Amino acid sequence: MSGPRLRDTLLIHNERVKLLAGFANAVSLGLIGFAILRPMTEGTLSVNALTLGWGSAGLALHLVSHYILGMLRKEDTREDAHDRL
C-alpha cells in the first residue's frame, strides 16, 4: 500500500518545486523588466550601475529557477528498481 502513497508524495514534491521555480522566475522577470523600464520612464536610455545591478540580479534569479527545476524527482519504475539490485 505504500506505492500509491509514495507516488502522491512524489507528485506533491514535484508540484511544490515547480511552483517555487515559477515564483523565482516571475520575480526575476520583474527585476529584468524594472532594469529596462526604469531608465525608459526617466527619459534616459543610458545604462548605469543601477541598471546593470537590477538586470544582473534578475538574470541570477532566473538561473536559480533553472537550478530549482533540477530538484524534480522521477518515479522509480520496476526496471529502475530491478537494476539497482
Foldseek 3Di string as FASTA:
>chain_A
DVVVVVVVVLVVVLVVLLVVLVVLLVVLVVLLCCLQVVCVVVVHRDHDPVSVVSNVVSVVSNVVSVVSNVPRDDDDDPVNVVVVD
